[in-house]
C-alpha atoms as a PDB file:
ATOM      1  CA  MET A   1     -11.420   2.649  13.407  1.00  0.00           C
ATOM      2  CA  LEU A   2      -9.864  -0.999  13.437  1.00  0.00           C
ATOM      3  CA  ALA A   3      -6.760  -1.311  11.275  1.00  0.00           C
ATOM      4  CA  ASP A   4      -8.499  -4.097   9.255  1.00  0.00           C
ATOM      5  CA  ASP A   5     -11.649  -2.088   8.458  1.00  0.00           C
ATOM      6  CA  SER A   6      -9.535   0.277   6.282  1.00  0.00           C
ATOM      7  CA  ALA A   7      -7.813  -2.636   4.350  1.00  0.00           C
ATOM      8  CA  PRO A   8     -10.364  -2.736   1.480  1.00  0.00           C
ATOM      9  CA  SER A   9     -10.235   0.810   0.667  1.00  0.00           C
ATOM     10  CA  GLN A  10      -6.172   0.948   0.947  1.00  0.00           C
ATOM     11  CA  ALA A  11      -6.413  -2.104  -1.539  1.00  0.00           C
ATOM     12  CA  ALA A  12      -8.709  -0.388  -3.914  1.00  0.00           C
ATOM     13  CA  ALA A  13      -6.527   2.628  -3.902  1.00  0.00           C
ATOM     14  CA  LEU A  14      -3.624   0.556  -4.574  1.00  0.00           C
ATOM     15  CA  VAL A  15      -5.156  -1.080  -7.656  1.00  0.00           C
ATOM     16  CA  GLU A  16      -6.404   2.437  -9.030  1.00  0.00           C
ATOM     17  CA  SER A  17      -2.768   3.989  -8.502  1.00  0.00           C
ATOM     18  CA  LEU A  18      -1.258   1.104 -10.267  1.00  0.00           C
ATOM     19  CA  SER A  19      -4.184   0.979 -12.893  1.00  0.00           C
ATOM     20  CA  TYR A  20      -3.186   4.658 -13.818  1.00  0.00           C
ATOM     21  CA  ALA A  21       0.661   3.915 -13.824  1.00  0.00           C
ATOM     22  CA  ARG A  22      -0.157   1.144 -16.305  1.00  0.00           C
ATOM     23  CA  LYS A  23      -2.257   3.535 -18.507  1.00  0.00           C
ATOM     24  CA  TYR A  24       0.437   6.219 -18.321  1.00  0.00           C
ATOM     25  CA  ALA A  25       3.067   3.622 -19.378  1.00  0.00           C
ATOM     26  CA  GLU A  26       0.866   2.488 -22.401  1.00  0.00           C
ATOM     27  CA  SER A  27       0.468   5.818 -23.514  1.00  0.00           C
ATOM     28  CA  LEU A  28       4.280   6.099 -23.524  1.00  0.00           C
ATOM     29  CA  SER A  29       4.721   2.677 -25.273  1.00  0.00           C
ATOM     30  CA  ASP A  30       2.504   3.758 -28.058  1.00  0.00           C
ATOM     31  CA  MET A  31       3.980   7.375 -28.588  1.00  0.00           C
ATOM     32  CA  ILE A  32       7.519   5.361 -28.992  1.00  0.00           C
ATOM     33  CA  GLU A  33       5.997   2.635 -31.213  1.00  0.00           C
ATOM     34  CA  ALA A  34       4.591   5.364 -33.440  1.00  0.00           C
ATOM     35  CA  GLY A  35       7.793   6.682 -33.985  1.00  0.00           C
ATOM     36  CA  GLN A  36       6.763  10.171 -32.985  1.00  0.00           C
ATOM     37  CA  PRO A  37       8.517  10.840 -29.777  1.00  0.00           C
ATOM     38  CA  ASP A  38       7.337  14.175 -27.950  1.00  0.00           C
ATOM     39  CA  PRO A  39      10.054  14.841 -25.445  1.00  0.00           C
ATOM     40  CA  GLU A  40       7.625  17.088 -23.497  1.00  0.00           C
ATOM     41  CA  LYS A  41       4.789  14.539 -23.428  1.00  0.00           C
ATOM     42  CA  ALA A  42       7.365  11.660 -22.480  1.00  0.00           C
ATOM     43  CA  HIS A  43       8.533  13.752 -19.590  1.00  0.00           C
ATOM     44  CA  ARG A  44       4.838  14.246 -18.284  1.00  0.00           C
ATOM     45  CA  LEU A  45       3.856  10.583 -18.531  1.00  0.00           C
ATOM     46  CA  VAL A  46       7.165   9.386 -16.829  1.00  0.00           C
ATOM     47  CA  GLN A  47       6.523  12.073 -13.989  1.00  0.00           C
ATOM     48  CA  ALA A  48       2.772  10.888 -13.968  1.00  0.00           C
ATOM     49  CA  ILE A  49       4.090   7.210 -13.633  1.00  0.00           C
ATOM     50  CA  ARG A  50       6.599   8.184 -10.813  1.00  0.00           C
ATOM     51  CA  ASN A  51       3.778   9.800  -9.035  1.00  0.00           C
ATOM     52  CA  MET A  52       1.335   6.890  -9.241  1.00  0.00           C
ATOM     53  CA  LEU A  53       4.070   4.452  -8.372  1.00  0.00           C
ATOM     54  CA  CYS A  54       4.681   6.700  -5.382  1.00  0.00           C
ATOM     55  CA  ALA A  55       0.916   6.741  -4.332  1.00  0.00           C
ATOM     56  CA  ALA A  56       1.003   2.985  -4.708  1.00  0.00           C
ATOM     57  CA  GLU A  57       4.064   2.606  -2.358  1.00  0.00           C
ATOM     58  CA  ASP A  58       2.031   4.829   0.154  1.00  0.00           C
ATOM     59  CA  GLU A  59      -0.701   2.186   0.008  1.00  0.00           C
ATOM     60  CA  LEU A  60       1.453  -0.802   0.228  1.00  0.00           C
ATOM     61  CA  ASP A  61       2.975   0.896   3.618  1.00  0.00           C
ATOM     62  CA  GLU A  62      -0.508   1.029   5.022  1.00  0.00           C
ATOM     63  CA  LEU A  63      -1.524  -2.354   4.236  1.00  0.00           C
ATOM     64  CA  ASP A  64       1.591  -3.445   5.790  1.00  0.00           C
ATOM     65  CA  ASP A  65       0.660  -1.731   8.892  1.00  0.00           C
ATOM     66  CA  VAL A  66      -2.744  -3.519   8.634  1.00  0.00           C
ATOM     67  CA  ARG A  67      -1.018  -6.801   8.317  1.00  0.00           C
ATOM     68  CA  THR A  68       0.920  -6.102  11.486  1.00  0.00           C
ATOM     69  CA  PHE A  69      -1.992  -5.515  13.463  1.00  0.00           C
ATOM     70  CA  ILE A  70      -3.847  -8.302  12.266  1.00  0.00           C
ATOM     71  CA  ASP A  71      -0.743 -10.631  13.284  1.00  0.00           C
ATOM     72  CA  THR A  72      -0.579  -8.974  16.522  1.00  0.00           C
ATOM     73  CA  ALA A  73      -4.007  -9.419  17.414  1.00  0.00           C
ATOM     74  CA  LYS A  74      -3.899 -13.177  16.540  1.00  0.00           C
ATOM     75  CA  ALA A  75      -0.801 -13.881  18.738  1.00  0.00           C
ATOM     76  CA  ILE A  76      -2.854 -12.097  21.715  1.00  0.00           C
ATOM     77  CA  GLN A  77      -5.735 -14.206  20.945  1.00  0.00           C
ATOM     78  CA  GLY A  78      -3.390 -17.187  21.270  1.00  0.00           C
ATOM     79  CA  LEU A  79      -1.913 -16.356  24.435  1.00  0.00           C
ATOM     80  CA  PRO A  80      -3.044 -18.655  27.441  1.00  0.00           C
ATOM     81  CA  ASP A  81      -5.083 -16.477  30.067  1.00  0.00           C
ATOM     82  CA  ALA A  82      -2.557 -16.521  32.708  1.00  0.00           C
ATOM     83  CA  VAL A  83       0.198 -15.193  30.356  1.00  0.00           C
ATOM     84  CA  LEU A  84      -2.114 -12.203  29.135  1.00  0.00           C
ATOM     85  CA  PHE A  85      -3.399 -11.485  32.564  1.00  0.00           C
ATOM     86  CA  ASP A  86       0.148 -11.240  33.533  1.00  0.00           C
ATOM     87  CA  ALA A  87       1.351  -8.967  30.636  1.00  0.00           C
ATOM     88  CA  LEU A  88      -1.739  -6.924  31.483  1.00  0.00           C
ATOM     89  CA  THR A  89      -1.093  -6.265  35.156  1.00  0.00           C
ATOM     90  CA  THR A  90       2.737  -6.653  35.363  1.00  0.00           C
ATOM     91  CA  PRO A  91       4.226  -3.110  35.465  1.00  0.00           C
ATOM     92  CA  GLY A  92       6.670  -2.516  32.668  1.00  0.00           C
ATOM     93  CA  ASN A  93       5.094  -4.935  30.132  1.00  0.00           C
ATOM     94  CA  PRO A  94       4.630  -3.399  26.802  1.00  0.00           C
END
């Protein structure tokens, strides 16, 4: 699969993770504003927020990889034919 083919689903997963994190944060805020703190519920909400932010970070890492692949492909496309041929045929070139 090409890297850029997966970017839309990764972006959607990022949005979903951040959306859940926001909902959990709003629930925590509502609980505090109501003046009825529940330490156990607050702990669960904070943990859920942390989990969603970790999931979002994973998706960001994947999207960074996609950006790297796209940038590399663009750089290769811009190479003159002679340079590209040399890079492909000379031993020891990455």
